Amino acid sequence: MIHSSKISLIIKNQTILMEHATVKRKWANWKFFGFIIILIAVFVKFFVLDDHDENATVTVEMDLPQVAFRNVQEVEAILGKGKLDSYYKDEAAGCDKCPKMTYREDKIEIIFINDIADRITLKGLSDYDFDDRVILGLLNLKENIAPKVDEDGLKRWDNYEKYTQIAAFSSGSHLDYILIKAKTK
């Protein structure tokens, strides 16, 4: 009788040891799996994702909220004295002889439709990357919304905040110019 109880105790101990070894083996597998996940995350972070700093300062070329929807005098108070370039005609916009003014050595072109800054063009932007955040930052727009259209050489935002359309055009990987339609289509 003593013998059989010793044998059953030995069998129980071996079973516990085997279960303990199985738990150790499972834990080792989980540690290995976790290590692989971390390696994949590091690879994606450094080799797959774009390397841009979300907190980097962005150059503002023109403060769009301060210029759009303003009359000639208000725009000149912000951008300085403008020069009459020509007159613009667009029947769909209700514009027969709207003044087209240039500012800052012809870098900013504004068409005043119904006496407000409506069509605004920023030119000479080849020093900047053709990137959503850069484009919106140049206009001092804070909300980083993805464009509705993002094709070769064109990024377009429709109904971005209170503006009808913002379109950016590229020459290669760099920005060429930005066209803003504040109110008209």
N, C-alpha and C. Protein backbone atom coordinates (compact mmCIF):
# COMPACT_ATOMS: atom_id res chain seq x y z
N MET A 1 0.80 -1.17 0.00
CA MET A 1 0.00 0.00 0.00
C MET A 1 0.86 1.26 0.00
N ILE A 2 1.88 1.25 0.78
CA ILE A 2 2.77 2.41 0.82
C ILE A 2 3.44 2.59 -0.51
N HIS A 3 3.73 1.49 -1.10
CA HIS A 3 4.38 1.56 -2.40
C HIS A 3 3.50 2.22 -3.45
N SER A 4 2.26 1.86 -3.49
CA SER A 4 1.38 2.44 -4.50
C SER A 4 1.12 3.91 -4.25
N SER A 5 1.09 4.35 -2.99
CA SER A 5 0.91 5.78 -2.72
C SER A 5 2.15 6.58 -3.12
N LYS A 6 3.36 5.96 -2.93
CA LYS A 6 4.58 6.61 -3.36
C LYS A 6 4.61 6.73 -4.88
N ILE A 7 4.15 5.68 -5.53
CA ILE A 7 4.13 5.69 -6.99
C ILE A 7 3.15 6.75 -7.50
N SER A 8 1.97 6.83 -6.88
CA SER A 8 1.01 7.84 -7.31
C SER A 8 1.52 9.25 -7.02
N LEU A 9 2.26 9.44 -5.91
CA LEU A 9 2.85 10.75 -5.60
C LEU A 9 3.92 11.10 -6.62
N ILE A 10 4.71 10.16 -7.01
CA ILE A 10 5.75 10.39 -8.02
C ILE A 10 5.10 10.75 -9.36
N ILE A 11 4.04 10.05 -9.71
CA ILE A 11 3.33 10.34 -10.98
C ILE A 11 2.72 11.74 -10.93
N LYS A 12 2.14 12.11 -9.77
CA LYS A 12 1.57 13.46 -9.63
C LYS A 12 2.64 14.52 -9.78
N ASN A 13 3.80 14.31 -9.12
CA ASN A 13 4.90 15.28 -9.21
C ASN A 13 5.40 15.43 -10.64
N GLN A 14 5.51 14.31 -11.36
CA GLN A 14 5.95 14.37 -12.75
C GLN A 14 4.92 15.11 -13.61
N THR A 15 3.63 14.89 -13.35
CA THR A 15 2.58 15.58 -14.09
C THR A 15 2.65 17.08 -13.83
N ILE A 16 2.87 17.48 -12.57
CA ILE A 16 2.98 18.90 -12.24
C ILE A 16 4.20 19.50 -12.91
N LEU A 17 5.32 18.75 -12.89
CA LEU A 17 6.54 19.24 -13.54
C LEU A 17 6.33 19.38 -15.04
N MET A 18 5.62 18.46 -15.65
CA MET A 18 5.35 18.53 -17.10
C MET A 18 4.45 19.72 -17.40
N GLU A 19 3.41 19.95 -16.56
CA GLU A 19 2.54 21.10 -16.76
C GLU A 19 3.32 22.40 -16.60
N HIS A 20 4.23 22.44 -15.62
CA HIS A 20 5.05 23.63 -15.38
C HIS A 20 5.97 23.88 -16.59
N ALA A 21 6.53 22.82 -17.14
CA ALA A 21 7.38 22.95 -18.33
C ALA A 21 6.58 23.44 -19.52
N THR A 22 5.33 22.99 -19.67
CA THR A 22 4.47 23.44 -20.77
C THR A 22 4.17 24.93 -20.63
N VAL A 23 3.90 25.39 -19.40
CA VAL A 23 3.64 26.80 -19.17
C VAL A 23 4.88 27.62 -19.51
N LYS A 24 6.05 27.14 -19.11
CA LYS A 24 7.30 27.85 -19.44
C LYS A 24 7.49 27.93 -20.95
N ARG A 25 7.21 26.84 -21.64
CA ARG A 25 7.36 26.80 -23.09
C ARG A 25 6.39 27.77 -23.75
N LYS A 26 5.13 27.82 -23.27
CA LYS A 26 4.14 28.75 -23.81
C LYS A 26 4.57 30.19 -23.56
N TRP A 27 5.08 30.48 -22.36
CA TRP A 27 5.53 31.84 -22.04
C TRP A 27 6.70 32.23 -22.96
N ALA A 28 7.60 31.30 -23.21
CA ALA A 28 8.72 31.58 -24.11
C ALA A 28 8.21 31.88 -25.52
N ASN A 29 7.20 31.16 -25.95
CA ASN A 29 6.61 31.42 -27.27
C ASN A 29 6.00 32.82 -27.33
N TRP A 30 5.29 33.23 -26.27
CA TRP A 30 4.68 34.57 -26.23
C TRP A 30 5.74 35.66 -26.23
N LYS A 31 6.83 35.45 -25.49
CA LYS A 31 7.92 36.44 -25.46
C LYS A 31 8.52 36.57 -26.86
N PHE A 32 8.72 35.47 -27.53
CA PHE A 32 9.28 35.50 -28.89
C PHE A 32 8.32 36.21 -29.85
N PHE A 33 7.02 35.90 -29.73
CA PHE A 33 6.01 36.56 -30.56
C PHE A 33 5.99 38.07 -30.31
N GLY A 34 6.06 38.48 -29.05
CA GLY A 34 6.10 39.90 -28.69
C GLY A 34 7.34 40.59 -29.26
N PHE A 35 8.46 39.92 -29.21
CA PHE A 35 9.72 40.45 -29.75
C PHE A 35 9.60 40.68 -31.27
N ILE A 36 8.99 39.74 -31.96
CA ILE A 36 8.79 39.87 -33.41
C ILE A 36 7.88 41.07 -33.72
N ILE A 37 6.81 41.24 -32.95
CA ILE A 37 5.89 42.38 -33.14
C ILE A 37 6.65 43.70 -32.96
N ILE A 38 7.49 43.78 -31.93
CA ILE A 38 8.26 45.01 -31.69
C ILE A 38 9.22 45.27 -32.85
N LEU A 39 9.87 44.24 -33.35
CA LEU A 39 10.77 44.41 -34.51
C LEU A 39 10.03 44.91 -35.74
N ILE A 40 8.84 44.39 -35.99
CA ILE A 40 8.04 44.84 -37.13
C ILE A 40 7.65 46.31 -36.95
N ALA A 41 7.24 46.68 -35.74
CA ALA A 41 6.86 48.08 -35.47
C ALA A 41 8.02 49.03 -35.68
N VAL A 42 9.22 48.64 -35.23
CA VAL A 42 10.40 49.49 -35.43
C VAL A 42 10.71 49.61 -36.91
N PHE A 43 10.62 48.52 -37.65
CA PHE A 43 10.88 48.55 -39.10
C PHE A 43 9.90 49.49 -39.79
N VAL A 44 8.61 49.38 -39.47
CA VAL A 44 7.60 50.24 -40.08
C VAL A 44 7.87 51.70 -39.74
N LYS A 45 8.18 51.99 -38.50
CA LYS A 45 8.43 53.38 -38.06
C LYS A 45 9.58 54.01 -38.83
N PHE A 46 10.68 53.30 -38.98
CA PHE A 46 11.87 53.90 -39.56
C PHE A 46 12.01 53.73 -41.08
N PHE A 47 11.37 52.73 -41.66
CA PHE A 47 11.59 52.48 -43.07
C PHE A 47 10.36 52.60 -43.95
N VAL A 48 9.17 52.60 -43.38
CA VAL A 48 7.95 52.64 -44.19
C VAL A 48 7.26 54.00 -44.09
N LEU A 49 7.08 54.51 -42.89
CA LEU A 49 6.35 55.76 -42.69
C LEU A 49 7.17 56.95 -43.19
N ASP A 50 6.47 57.98 -43.70
CA ASP A 50 7.14 59.20 -44.12
C ASP A 50 7.80 59.85 -42.93
N ASP A 51 8.96 60.44 -43.19
CA ASP A 51 9.72 61.08 -42.13
C ASP A 51 9.42 62.57 -42.13
N HIS A 52 8.33 62.98 -41.47
CA HIS A 52 8.02 64.40 -41.32
C HIS A 52 7.60 64.67 -39.89
N ASP A 53 7.95 65.84 -39.44
CA ASP A 53 7.70 66.23 -38.06
C ASP A 53 6.39 67.00 -37.99
N GLU A 54 5.42 66.46 -37.29
CA GLU A 54 4.11 67.11 -37.17
C GLU A 54 4.20 68.42 -36.39
N ASN A 55 5.23 68.58 -35.57
CA ASN A 55 5.36 69.78 -34.76
C ASN A 55 6.32 70.80 -35.36
N ALA A 56 6.86 70.51 -36.53
CA ALA A 56 7.79 71.43 -37.17
C ALA A 56 7.07 72.73 -37.54
N THR A 57 7.83 73.83 -37.48
CA THR A 57 7.22 75.10 -37.84
C THR A 57 6.98 75.15 -39.35
N VAL A 58 5.90 75.79 -39.73
CA VAL A 58 5.53 75.90 -41.13
C VAL A 58 5.57 77.38 -41.50
N THR A 59 6.13 77.67 -42.66
CA THR A 59 6.21 79.04 -43.14
C THR A 59 4.84 79.47 -43.65
N VAL A 60 4.42 80.67 -43.27
CA VAL A 60 3.16 81.23 -43.74
C VAL A 60 3.49 82.26 -44.81
N GLU A 61 3.09 82.00 -46.04
CA GLU A 61 3.31 82.94 -47.14
C GLU A 61 2.21 84.00 -47.19
N MET A 62 0.98 83.59 -46.87
CA MET A 62 -0.13 84.51 -46.86
C MET A 62 -1.17 84.00 -45.85
N ASP A 63 -1.59 84.86 -44.97
CA ASP A 63 -2.57 84.50 -43.95
C ASP A 63 -3.96 84.55 -44.59
N LEU A 64 -4.39 83.42 -45.17
CA LEU A 64 -5.65 83.37 -45.91
C LEU A 64 -6.85 83.86 -45.10
N PRO A 65 -7.03 83.45 -43.83
CA PRO A 65 -8.18 83.94 -43.09
C PRO A 65 -8.21 85.48 -42.95
N GLN A 66 -7.05 86.11 -43.00
CA GLN A 66 -6.99 87.57 -42.89
C GLN A 66 -7.25 88.28 -44.22
N VAL A 67 -7.09 87.55 -45.36
CA VAL A 67 -7.19 88.18 -46.68
C VAL A 67 -8.50 87.86 -47.39
N ALA A 68 -8.91 86.61 -47.37
CA ALA A 68 -10.11 86.20 -48.11
C ALA A 68 -11.35 86.92 -47.59
N PHE A 69 -12.26 87.20 -48.48
CA PHE A 69 -13.54 87.87 -48.19
C PHE A 69 -13.38 89.34 -47.76
N ARG A 70 -12.22 89.94 -47.95
CA ARG A 70 -11.98 91.33 -47.56
C ARG A 70 -12.05 92.23 -48.80
N ASN A 71 -12.30 93.53 -48.59
CA ASN A 71 -12.30 94.47 -49.71
C ASN A 71 -10.87 94.95 -49.99
N VAL A 72 -10.69 95.76 -51.01
CA VAL A 72 -9.36 96.20 -51.44
C VAL A 72 -8.62 96.91 -50.31
N GLN A 73 -9.27 97.80 -49.61
CA GLN A 73 -8.62 98.55 -48.54
C GLN A 73 -8.16 97.63 -47.40
N GLU A 74 -8.98 96.68 -47.03
CA GLU A 74 -8.61 95.75 -45.95
C GLU A 74 -7.45 94.87 -46.37
N VAL A 75 -7.44 94.42 -47.63
CA VAL A 75 -6.34 93.59 -48.12
C VAL A 75 -5.05 94.39 -48.16
N GLU A 76 -5.12 95.65 -48.60
CA GLU A 76 -3.92 96.48 -48.64
C GLU A 76 -3.38 96.76 -47.24
N ALA A 77 -4.23 96.80 -46.25
CA ALA A 77 -3.77 96.98 -44.87
C ALA A 77 -2.97 95.77 -44.40
N ILE A 78 -3.24 94.61 -44.97
CA ILE A 78 -2.55 93.37 -44.58
C ILE A 78 -1.35 93.10 -45.46
N LEU A 79 -1.51 93.20 -46.79
CA LEU A 79 -0.46 92.82 -47.74
C LEU A 79 0.38 93.99 -48.24
N GLY A 80 -0.04 95.20 -47.97
CA GLY A 80 0.66 96.36 -48.51
C GLY A 80 -0.02 96.82 -49.79
N LYS A 81 0.50 97.89 -50.34
CA LYS A 81 -0.09 98.50 -51.53
C LYS A 81 -0.06 97.51 -52.70
N GLY A 82 -1.20 97.39 -53.37
CA GLY A 82 -1.30 96.51 -54.54
C GLY A 82 -1.22 97.30 -55.82
N LYS A 83 -1.11 96.57 -56.92
CA LYS A 83 -1.03 97.21 -58.23
C LYS A 83 -2.08 96.56 -59.13
N LEU A 84 -2.84 97.40 -59.84
CA LEU A 84 -3.87 96.89 -60.74
C LEU A 84 -3.18 96.23 -61.93
N ASP A 85 -3.46 94.95 -62.13
CA ASP A 85 -2.85 94.19 -63.21
C ASP A 85 -3.74 94.22 -64.45
N SER A 86 -5.02 93.93 -64.27
CA SER A 86 -5.96 93.91 -65.38
C SER A 86 -7.37 93.79 -64.81
N TYR A 87 -8.32 93.59 -65.71
CA TYR A 87 -9.70 93.35 -65.28
C TYR A 87 -10.10 91.95 -65.71
N TYR A 88 -10.91 91.33 -64.90
CA TYR A 88 -11.31 89.94 -65.07
C TYR A 88 -12.80 89.89 -65.40
N LYS A 89 -13.15 88.98 -66.32
CA LYS A 89 -14.56 88.83 -66.69
C LYS A 89 -14.95 87.35 -66.57
N ASP A 90 -16.03 87.11 -65.85
CA ASP A 90 -16.55 85.76 -65.69
C ASP A 90 -18.05 85.87 -65.46
N GLU A 91 -18.82 85.50 -66.47
CA GLU A 91 -20.28 85.63 -66.39
C GLU A 91 -20.87 84.72 -65.31
N ALA A 92 -20.32 83.52 -65.18
CA ALA A 92 -20.85 82.58 -64.18
C ALA A 92 -20.67 83.12 -62.76
N ALA A 93 -19.60 83.87 -62.54
CA ALA A 93 -19.35 84.43 -61.22
C ALA A 93 -20.03 85.78 -61.04
N GLY A 94 -20.65 86.27 -62.10
CA GLY A 94 -21.31 87.57 -62.02
C GLY A 94 -20.31 88.71 -62.04
N CYS A 95 -19.26 88.52 -62.79
CA CYS A 95 -18.18 89.49 -62.80
C CYS A 95 -17.97 89.99 -64.23
N ASP A 96 -18.24 91.28 -64.44
CA ASP A 96 -18.08 91.86 -65.78
C ASP A 96 -16.74 92.55 -65.92
N LYS A 97 -16.34 93.29 -64.90
CA LYS A 97 -15.07 94.02 -64.95
C LYS A 97 -14.50 94.07 -63.52
N CYS A 98 -14.07 92.92 -63.05
CA CYS A 98 -13.55 92.82 -61.69
C CYS A 98 -12.04 93.09 -61.68
N PRO A 99 -11.56 93.91 -60.74
CA PRO A 99 -10.14 94.23 -60.71
C PRO A 99 -9.29 93.03 -60.29
N LYS A 100 -8.19 92.85 -61.02
CA LYS A 100 -7.20 91.81 -60.69
C LYS A 100 -5.96 92.56 -60.19
N MET A 101 -5.69 92.42 -58.90
CA MET A 101 -4.60 93.14 -58.25
C MET A 101 -3.45 92.19 -57.93
N THR A 102 -2.23 92.71 -57.95
CA THR A 102 -1.06 91.92 -57.56
C THR A 102 -0.40 92.58 -56.35
N TYR A 103 0.17 91.74 -55.50
CA TYR A 103 0.82 92.18 -54.26
C TYR A 103 2.15 91.47 -54.11
N ARG A 104 3.01 92.08 -53.30
CA ARG A 104 4.30 91.48 -52.95
C ARG A 104 5.07 91.02 -54.19
N GLU A 105 5.36 91.99 -55.04
CA GLU A 105 6.15 91.77 -56.27
C GLU A 105 5.53 90.68 -57.15
N ASP A 106 4.24 90.75 -57.35
CA ASP A 106 3.46 89.84 -58.20
C ASP A 106 3.41 88.40 -57.70
N LYS A 107 3.79 88.18 -56.45
CA LYS A 107 3.74 86.83 -55.90
C LYS A 107 2.32 86.43 -55.50
N ILE A 108 1.50 87.43 -55.15
CA ILE A 108 0.11 87.18 -54.78
C ILE A 108 -0.78 87.94 -55.77
N GLU A 109 -1.73 87.22 -56.34
CA GLU A 109 -2.66 87.79 -57.32
C GLU A 109 -4.08 87.60 -56.77
N ILE A 110 -4.84 88.69 -56.69
CA ILE A 110 -6.19 88.60 -56.13
C ILE A 110 -7.19 89.23 -57.10
N ILE A 111 -8.27 88.49 -57.38
CA ILE A 111 -9.37 89.02 -58.17
C ILE A 111 -10.50 89.33 -57.20
N PHE A 112 -10.94 90.59 -57.23
CA PHE A 112 -12.00 91.04 -56.34
C PHE A 112 -13.34 90.89 -57.06
N ILE A 113 -14.11 89.88 -56.68
CA ILE A 113 -15.42 89.63 -57.28
C ILE A 113 -16.47 90.11 -56.29
N ASN A 114 -17.38 90.97 -56.76
CA ASN A 114 -18.39 91.60 -55.90
C ASN A 114 -17.74 92.31 -54.71
N ASP A 115 -16.62 92.97 -55.00
CA ASP A 115 -15.88 93.81 -54.04
C ASP A 115 -15.23 93.05 -52.89
N ILE A 116 -15.05 91.74 -53.01
CA ILE A 116 -14.32 90.99 -51.98
C ILE A 116 -13.22 90.17 -52.63
N ALA A 117 -12.14 89.91 -51.88
CA ALA A 117 -11.04 89.07 -52.36
C ALA A 117 -11.57 87.65 -52.50
N ASP A 118 -11.76 87.24 -53.75
CA ASP A 118 -12.42 85.95 -53.98
C ASP A 118 -11.48 84.92 -54.62
N ARG A 119 -10.85 85.27 -55.72
CA ARG A 119 -9.90 84.34 -56.36
C ARG A 119 -8.50 84.79 -56.04
N ILE A 120 -7.79 83.95 -55.31
CA ILE A 120 -6.46 84.31 -54.82
C ILE A 120 -5.47 83.28 -55.34
N THR A 121 -4.36 83.77 -55.91
CA THR A 121 -3.32 82.89 -56.42
C THR A 121 -1.99 83.25 -55.77
N LEU A 122 -1.31 82.25 -55.24
CA LEU A 122 0.05 82.42 -54.72
C LEU A 122 0.99 81.76 -55.71
N LYS A 123 1.98 82.50 -56.18
CA LYS A 123 2.92 81.99 -57.19
C LYS A 123 4.33 81.98 -56.63
N GLY A 124 5.22 81.31 -57.37
CA GLY A 124 6.63 81.29 -56.98
C GLY A 124 6.90 80.51 -55.71
N LEU A 125 6.33 79.33 -55.61
CA LEU A 125 6.45 78.53 -54.39
C LEU A 125 7.33 77.29 -54.58
N SER A 126 8.25 77.33 -55.52
CA SER A 126 9.04 76.15 -55.85
C SER A 126 10.01 75.73 -54.75
N ASP A 127 10.19 76.55 -53.73
CA ASP A 127 11.07 76.18 -52.61
C ASP A 127 10.39 75.23 -51.63
N TYR A 128 9.11 74.98 -51.83
CA TYR A 128 8.34 74.17 -50.87
C TYR A 128 7.97 72.82 -51.46
N ASP A 129 7.89 71.82 -50.57
CA ASP A 129 7.49 70.47 -50.97
C ASP A 129 6.00 70.44 -51.29
N PHE A 130 5.63 69.52 -52.15
CA PHE A 130 4.23 69.33 -52.54
C PHE A 130 3.58 68.38 -51.53
N ASP A 131 3.37 68.90 -50.32
CA ASP A 131 2.86 68.11 -49.20
C ASP A 131 1.64 68.81 -48.61
N ASP A 132 0.62 68.06 -48.22
CA ASP A 132 -0.63 68.62 -47.69
C ASP A 132 -0.37 69.63 -46.58
N ARG A 133 0.40 69.22 -45.59
CA ARG A 133 0.64 70.07 -44.42
C ARG A 133 1.38 71.35 -44.80
N VAL A 134 2.32 71.25 -45.72
CA VAL A 134 3.07 72.43 -46.17
C VAL A 134 2.14 73.39 -46.90
N ILE A 135 1.33 72.85 -47.81
CA ILE A 135 0.42 73.68 -48.60
C ILE A 135 -0.54 74.44 -47.69
N LEU A 136 -1.18 73.73 -46.77
CA LEU A 136 -2.13 74.36 -45.86
C LEU A 136 -1.43 75.32 -44.90
N GLY A 137 -0.22 74.98 -44.51
CA GLY A 137 0.56 75.85 -43.63
C GLY A 137 0.94 77.16 -44.29
N LEU A 138 1.24 77.13 -45.59
CA LEU A 138 1.57 78.35 -46.32
C LEU A 138 0.42 79.35 -46.28
N LEU A 139 -0.79 78.83 -46.13
CA LEU A 139 -1.99 79.68 -46.09
C LEU A 139 -2.45 79.95 -44.65
N ASN A 140 -1.69 79.48 -43.69
CA ASN A 140 -2.00 79.61 -42.27
C ASN A 140 -3.33 78.93 -41.92
N LEU A 141 -3.54 77.76 -42.52
CA LEU A 141 -4.71 76.94 -42.21
C LEU A 141 -4.24 75.81 -41.29
N LYS A 142 -4.87 75.67 -40.16
CA LYS A 142 -4.40 74.75 -39.12
C LYS A 142 -4.90 73.32 -39.28
N GLU A 143 -6.09 73.14 -39.79
CA GLU A 143 -6.70 71.81 -39.83
C GLU A 143 -6.12 71.00 -40.99
N ASN A 144 -5.41 69.93 -40.66
CA ASN A 144 -4.75 69.11 -41.67
C ASN A 144 -5.73 68.07 -42.22
N ILE A 145 -6.52 68.49 -43.19
CA ILE A 145 -7.53 67.63 -43.81
C ILE A 145 -6.94 67.09 -45.12
N ALA A 146 -7.20 65.83 -45.40
CA ALA A 146 -6.72 65.24 -46.66
C ALA A 146 -7.48 65.84 -47.83
N PRO A 147 -6.80 66.07 -48.95
CA PRO A 147 -7.50 66.66 -50.11
C PRO A 147 -8.49 65.68 -50.73
N LYS A 148 -9.54 66.22 -51.37
CA LYS A 148 -10.53 65.39 -52.07
C LYS A 148 -9.91 64.78 -53.31
N VAL A 149 -9.04 65.56 -53.99
CA VAL A 149 -8.35 65.08 -55.18
C VAL A 149 -6.86 65.15 -54.91
N ASP A 150 -6.17 64.04 -55.15
CA ASP A 150 -4.72 63.98 -54.98
C ASP A 150 -4.16 63.16 -56.14
N GLU A 151 -3.97 63.83 -57.26
CA GLU A 151 -3.47 63.17 -58.47
C GLU A 151 -2.11 63.75 -58.81
N ASP A 152 -1.51 63.27 -59.87
CA ASP A 152 -0.22 63.78 -60.31
C ASP A 152 -0.28 65.28 -60.54
N GLY A 153 0.43 66.01 -59.72
CA GLY A 153 0.53 67.45 -59.91
C GLY A 153 -0.65 68.26 -59.42
N LEU A 154 -1.64 67.66 -58.78
CA LEU A 154 -2.80 68.41 -58.29
C LEU A 154 -3.28 67.86 -56.96
N LYS A 155 -3.48 68.77 -56.02
CA LYS A 155 -4.14 68.46 -54.74
C LYS A 155 -5.25 69.49 -54.62
N ARG A 156 -6.48 69.00 -54.37
CA ARG A 156 -7.61 69.93 -54.31
C ARG A 156 -8.50 69.61 -53.11
N TRP A 157 -8.79 70.66 -52.37
CA TRP A 157 -9.70 70.59 -51.24
C TRP A 157 -10.97 71.31 -51.64
N ASP A 158 -12.10 70.64 -51.58
CA ASP A 158 -13.40 71.27 -51.85
C ASP A 158 -14.07 71.54 -50.52
N ASN A 159 -14.60 72.77 -50.37
CA ASN A 159 -15.29 73.19 -49.16
C ASN A 159 -14.45 72.99 -47.90
N TYR A 160 -13.20 73.42 -47.98
CA TYR A 160 -12.32 73.40 -46.82
C TYR A 160 -12.72 74.59 -45.94
N GLU A 161 -13.17 74.29 -44.75
CA GLU A 161 -13.69 75.30 -43.82
C GLU A 161 -14.69 76.18 -44.57
N LYS A 162 -14.44 77.49 -44.68
CA LYS A 162 -15.40 78.39 -45.33
C LYS A 162 -15.04 78.70 -46.77
N TYR A 163 -14.01 78.06 -47.32
CA TYR A 163 -13.53 78.35 -48.68
C TYR A 163 -14.11 77.33 -49.66
N THR A 164 -14.54 77.80 -50.82
CA THR A 164 -15.15 76.92 -51.82
C THR A 164 -14.14 75.88 -52.32
N GLN A 165 -12.92 76.34 -52.64
CA GLN A 165 -11.93 75.40 -53.18
C GLN A 165 -10.52 75.93 -52.97
N ILE A 166 -9.63 75.01 -52.64
CA ILE A 166 -8.20 75.29 -52.56
C ILE A 166 -7.54 74.25 -53.44
N ALA A 167 -6.77 74.70 -54.43
CA ALA A 167 -6.09 73.78 -55.34
C ALA A 167 -4.60 74.13 -55.38
N ALA A 168 -3.77 73.11 -55.27
CA ALA A 168 -2.32 73.29 -55.34
C ALA A 168 -1.79 72.50 -56.53
N PHE A 169 -0.87 73.10 -57.25
CA PHE A 169 -0.30 72.49 -58.44
C PHE A 169 1.21 72.35 -58.26
N SER A 170 1.76 71.27 -58.78
CA SER A 170 3.19 71.02 -58.58
C SER A 170 3.94 71.01 -59.90
N SER A 171 5.23 71.20 -59.75
CA SER A 171 6.16 70.96 -60.85
C SER A 171 7.17 69.96 -60.29
N GLY A 172 6.98 68.71 -60.61
CA GLY A 172 7.81 67.66 -60.02
C GLY A 172 7.36 67.38 -58.60
N SER A 173 8.32 67.34 -57.68
CA SER A 173 7.98 67.08 -56.27
C SER A 173 7.82 68.37 -55.47
N HIS A 174 7.96 69.50 -56.15
CA HIS A 174 7.85 70.79 -55.47
C HIS A 174 6.59 71.53 -55.90
N LEU A 175 6.14 72.39 -55.02
CA LEU A 175 4.94 73.18 -55.23
C LEU A 175 5.21 74.24 -56.30
N ASP A 176 4.23 74.49 -57.15
CA ASP A 176 4.35 75.52 -58.18
C ASP A 176 3.51 76.74 -57.78
N TYR A 177 2.18 76.54 -57.66
CA TYR A 177 1.32 77.63 -57.22
C TYR A 177 0.07 77.08 -56.55
N ILE A 178 -0.63 77.98 -55.81
CA ILE A 178 -1.86 77.62 -55.12
C ILE A 178 -2.96 78.57 -55.59
N LEU A 179 -4.13 78.02 -55.89
CA LEU A 179 -5.29 78.81 -56.29
C LEU A 179 -6.39 78.61 -55.28
N ILE A 180 -6.91 79.71 -54.73
CA ILE A 180 -7.99 79.65 -53.76
C ILE A 180 -9.21 80.33 -54.35
N LYS A 181 -10.35 79.64 -54.29
CA LYS A 181 -11.62 80.24 -54.65
C LYS A 181 -12.39 80.39 -53.34
N ALA A 182 -12.45 81.61 -52.86
CA ALA A 182 -13.03 81.84 -51.55
C ALA A 182 -14.54 81.63 -51.54
N LYS A 183 -15.25 82.29 -52.48
CA LYS A 183 -16.70 82.21 -52.46
C LYS A 183 -17.26 81.63 -53.75
N THR A 184 -16.84 82.13 -54.91
CA THR A 184 -17.38 81.66 -56.18
C THR A 184 -16.83 80.30 -56.55
N LYS A 185 -17.51 79.65 -57.47
CA LYS A 185 -17.06 78.32 -57.90
C LYS A 185 -16.22 78.37 -59.13
